[in-house]
Protein backbone atom coordinates (compact mmCIF):
# COMPACT_ATOMS: atom_id res chain seq x y z
CA MET A 1 -11.15 -0.69 -2.56
CA GLU A 2 -8.44 0.77 -4.87
CA VAL A 3 -6.18 3.83 -4.99
CA SER A 4 -4.33 5.05 -8.07
CA ASP A 5 -1.18 7.05 -8.27
CA ALA A 6 0.03 8.71 -11.47
CA ARG A 7 3.66 8.46 -10.44
CA GLY A 8 5.19 5.29 -11.76
CA ASP A 9 8.68 5.73 -10.33
CA LEU A 10 7.87 4.39 -6.83
CA TYR A 11 6.21 0.96 -6.60
CA PRO A 12 4.90 0.02 -3.15
CA GLN A 13 7.04 -1.96 -0.84
CA ILE A 14 6.58 -3.03 2.75
CA ALA A 15 9.40 -2.36 5.18
CA ALA A 16 11.16 -5.65 5.97
CA GLY A 17 11.70 -4.89 9.67
CA VAL A 18 10.99 -2.35 12.36
CA ALA A 19 14.64 -1.81 13.35
CA GLY A 20 15.35 0.60 10.46
CA LEU A 21 11.91 2.27 10.62
CA ASP A 22 12.05 6.11 10.81
CA VAL A 23 9.21 6.95 13.08
CA LEU A 24 9.43 10.66 12.25
CA ARG A 25 9.01 10.34 8.48
CA LEU A 26 5.86 11.81 6.94
CA GLY A 27 4.86 8.96 4.54
CA GLY A 28 5.30 5.31 3.60
CA ARG A 29 3.04 3.71 6.16
CA GLY A 30 -0.03 3.10 3.99
CA LEU A 31 0.73 -0.37 2.90
CA THR A 32 1.48 -1.41 6.50
CA LEU A 33 -2.14 -0.49 7.23
CA VAL A 34 -3.48 -2.07 4.08
CA THR A 35 -1.60 -5.33 4.94
CA ALA A 36 -3.02 -5.29 8.51
CA LEU A 37 -6.65 -4.71 7.45
CA ALA A 38 -6.98 -6.52 4.11
CA ASP A 39 -7.52 -10.13 3.20
CA ARG A 40 -5.32 -9.53 0.22
CA TRP A 41 -3.91 -6.74 -1.96
CA ASP A 42 -2.03 -6.26 -5.11
CA CYS A 43 -0.46 -3.59 -7.32
CA VAL A 44 -1.24 -3.21 -11.06
CA PRO A 45 -0.07 -0.66 -13.68
CA TYR A 46 -2.10 2.49 -14.15
CA PRO A 47 -1.54 3.72 -17.72
CA PRO A 48 0.43 5.45 -18.86
CA SER A 49 3.00 5.38 -16.10
CA GLY A 50 1.35 5.03 -12.68
CA LYS A 51 0.04 2.25 -10.42
CA THR A 52 -3.15 1.17 -8.71
CA VAL A 53 -3.07 -0.63 -5.32
CA ARG A 54 -6.24 -2.80 -4.96
CA ALA A 55 -7.27 -4.30 -1.60
CA GLU A 56 -10.03 -6.51 -0.43
CA LEU A 57 -10.92 -5.52 3.15
CA LEU A 58 -11.73 -7.93 5.93
CA ASP A 59 -15.33 -8.30 7.07
CA THR A 60 -15.27 -7.17 10.72
CA GLY A 61 -18.89 -8.39 11.32
CA ALA A 62 -19.84 -4.96 12.73
């Protein structure tokens, strides 16, 4: 699975700890879900200035 974003100014980062987490914010939780559900993920450039997050999802056996 992969998702591309044309904005190159914000590269994905996972919050270091829950203490400073703003539970009311509207965004910024996507990679927490990707990290929880994927075997691995990475971020690559999406020309001309964006990025693509690629993830290999776990096989749940269902």
